């Protein structure tokens, strides 16, 4: 029988790093995000810029355990951390004065998870 292998090794590596960060920082947010990243492909999370605009306030930090897509407009500056961004979403977030970060970068910058206001699903 052939040994099964992981299709997206980078996703598994990010998930493992988030779990380790959660254990070191003694917080529950990073292991939770890690579990959401490993959902089956048909259940993976994708959030549009429109939802970010509607559900956030200026200056908030948001975690999206999946991909941010570019539908809609953003009219205030926020910090968004996600596994990946579409090019149009990155352009719209940075055009509004916000920041786009990878999940690993946010976990290194904030291992305790204290500055994160929301997890969007």
Protein backbone atom coordinates (compact mmCIF):
# COMPACT_ATOMS: atom_id res chain seq x y z
CA UNK A 1 0.00 0.00 0.00
CA UNK A 2 1.37 3.40 -0.97
CA UNK A 3 2.20 5.83 1.79
CA UNK A 4 -0.15 8.81 1.73
CA UNK A 5 1.44 12.23 1.69
CA UNK A 6 0.18 15.65 2.49
CA UNK A 7 -0.76 17.69 -0.52
CA UNK A 8 -0.10 21.14 0.97
CA UNK A 9 2.94 20.81 3.20
CA UNK A 10 3.18 24.58 3.75
CA UNK A 11 -0.32 24.59 5.27
CA UNK A 12 0.61 21.77 7.67
CA UNK A 13 3.85 23.54 8.63
CA UNK A 14 1.96 26.77 9.38
CA UNK A 15 -0.58 24.85 11.45
CA UNK A 16 2.15 23.13 13.48
CA UNK A 17 3.92 26.44 14.11
CA UNK A 18 0.67 28.01 15.34
CA UNK A 19 0.08 25.10 17.72
CA UNK A 20 3.60 25.45 19.15
CA UNK A 21 3.15 29.22 19.53
CA UNK A 22 -0.12 28.66 21.38
CA UNK A 23 1.54 26.28 23.82
CA UNK A 24 4.45 28.64 24.47
CA UNK A 25 2.24 31.71 24.80
CA UNK A 26 -0.35 29.85 26.91
CA UNK A 27 -3.24 31.12 24.83
CA UNK A 28 -6.09 29.40 23.07
CA UNK A 29 -6.34 31.49 19.93
CA UNK A 30 -3.45 30.02 17.93
CA UNK A 31 -4.35 26.32 18.45
CA UNK A 32 -7.94 27.18 17.45
CA UNK A 33 -6.74 28.89 14.26
CA UNK A 34 -4.50 25.88 13.63
CA UNK A 35 -7.50 23.53 13.77
CA UNK A 36 -9.49 25.76 11.40
CA UNK A 37 -6.64 25.72 8.88
CA UNK A 38 -6.74 21.94 8.70
CA UNK A 39 -10.40 21.70 7.75
CA UNK A 40 -11.15 19.69 4.60
CA UNK A 41 -10.77 21.67 1.40
CA UNK A 42 -14.51 21.97 0.79
CA UNK A 43 -14.93 23.59 4.23
CA UNK A 44 -11.95 25.97 4.14
CA UNK A 45 -12.64 29.55 5.05
CA UNK A 46 -12.72 32.36 2.49
CA UNK A 47 -13.68 35.91 3.52
CA UNK A 48 -14.35 38.83 1.19
CA UNK A 49 -13.14 42.38 1.80
CA UNK A 50 -16.82 43.36 1.98
CA UNK A 51 -17.25 41.24 5.13
CA UNK A 52 -14.08 42.73 6.64
CA UNK A 53 -15.49 46.20 6.05
CA UNK A 54 -18.88 45.36 7.51
CA UNK A 55 -17.71 43.48 10.64
CA UNK A 56 -14.68 45.51 11.76
CA UNK A 57 -13.94 48.93 13.18
CA UNK A 58 -10.95 51.14 12.35
CA UNK A 59 -7.72 49.97 13.95
CA UNK A 60 -8.83 46.40 14.72
CA UNK A 61 -6.67 43.32 14.26
CA UNK A 62 -8.42 40.44 12.53
CA UNK A 63 -7.40 36.84 11.90
CA UNK A 64 -8.80 34.92 8.93
CA UNK A 65 -7.83 31.23 9.08
CA UNK A 66 -8.02 30.88 5.31
CA UNK A 67 -8.01 33.16 2.29
CA UNK A 68 -9.08 36.80 1.92
CA UNK A 69 -10.78 37.54 -1.40
CA UNK A 70 -11.18 40.92 -3.11
CA UNK A 71 -14.96 41.36 -3.50
CA UNK A 72 -16.12 44.70 -2.08
CA UNK A 73 -14.44 47.83 -0.78
CA UNK A 74 -12.72 48.71 2.50
CA UNK A 75 -13.14 52.22 3.91
CA UNK A 76 -11.03 52.03 7.10
CA UNK A 77 -7.58 50.82 8.10
CA UNK A 78 -7.32 47.41 9.78
CA UNK A 79 -4.64 44.78 10.28
CA UNK A 80 -5.56 41.51 8.62
CA UNK A 81 -3.70 38.27 9.20
CA UNK A 82 -4.57 35.35 6.91
CA UNK A 83 -3.08 32.24 5.38
CA UNK A 84 -3.30 33.84 1.93
CA UNK A 85 -4.61 36.92 0.14
CA UNK A 86 -5.81 37.39 -3.40
CA UNK A 87 -3.88 40.17 -5.19
CA UNK A 88 -6.97 42.40 -5.35
CA UNK A 89 -7.70 41.93 -1.63
CA UNK A 90 -4.12 42.85 -0.71
CA UNK A 91 -4.34 45.95 -2.89
CA UNK A 92 -7.66 47.07 -1.34
CA UNK A 93 -6.53 46.52 2.27
CA UNK A 94 -3.23 48.32 1.79
CA UNK A 95 -4.97 51.06 -0.23
CA UNK A 96 -7.23 51.77 2.76
CA UNK A 97 -4.15 52.18 4.99
CA UNK A 98 -4.28 48.70 6.52
CA UNK A 99 -1.73 45.91 6.85
CA UNK A 100 -1.73 42.42 5.37
CA UNK A 101 0.20 39.83 7.37
CA UNK A 102 0.68 36.12 7.21
CA UNK A 103 -0.50 34.03 10.15
CA UNK A 104 3.09 33.17 11.07
CA UNK A 105 4.04 36.86 11.18
CA UNK A 106 1.11 37.73 13.43
CA UNK A 107 1.88 34.81 15.75
CA UNK A 108 5.52 35.92 16.06
CA UNK A 109 4.50 39.54 16.64
CA UNK A 110 1.77 38.66 19.13
CA UNK A 111 2.33 35.17 20.66
CA UNK A 112 -0.17 35.76 23.47
CA UNK A 113 -2.94 36.65 21.02
CA UNK A 114 -4.03 39.54 23.21
CA UNK A 115 -4.30 42.23 20.53
CA UNK A 116 -6.53 40.23 18.19
CA UNK A 117 -10.10 41.43 18.24
CA UNK A 118 -11.80 38.93 15.95
CA UNK A 119 -11.53 35.68 14.10
CA UNK A 120 -13.63 35.88 10.96
CA UNK A 121 -15.14 32.73 9.50
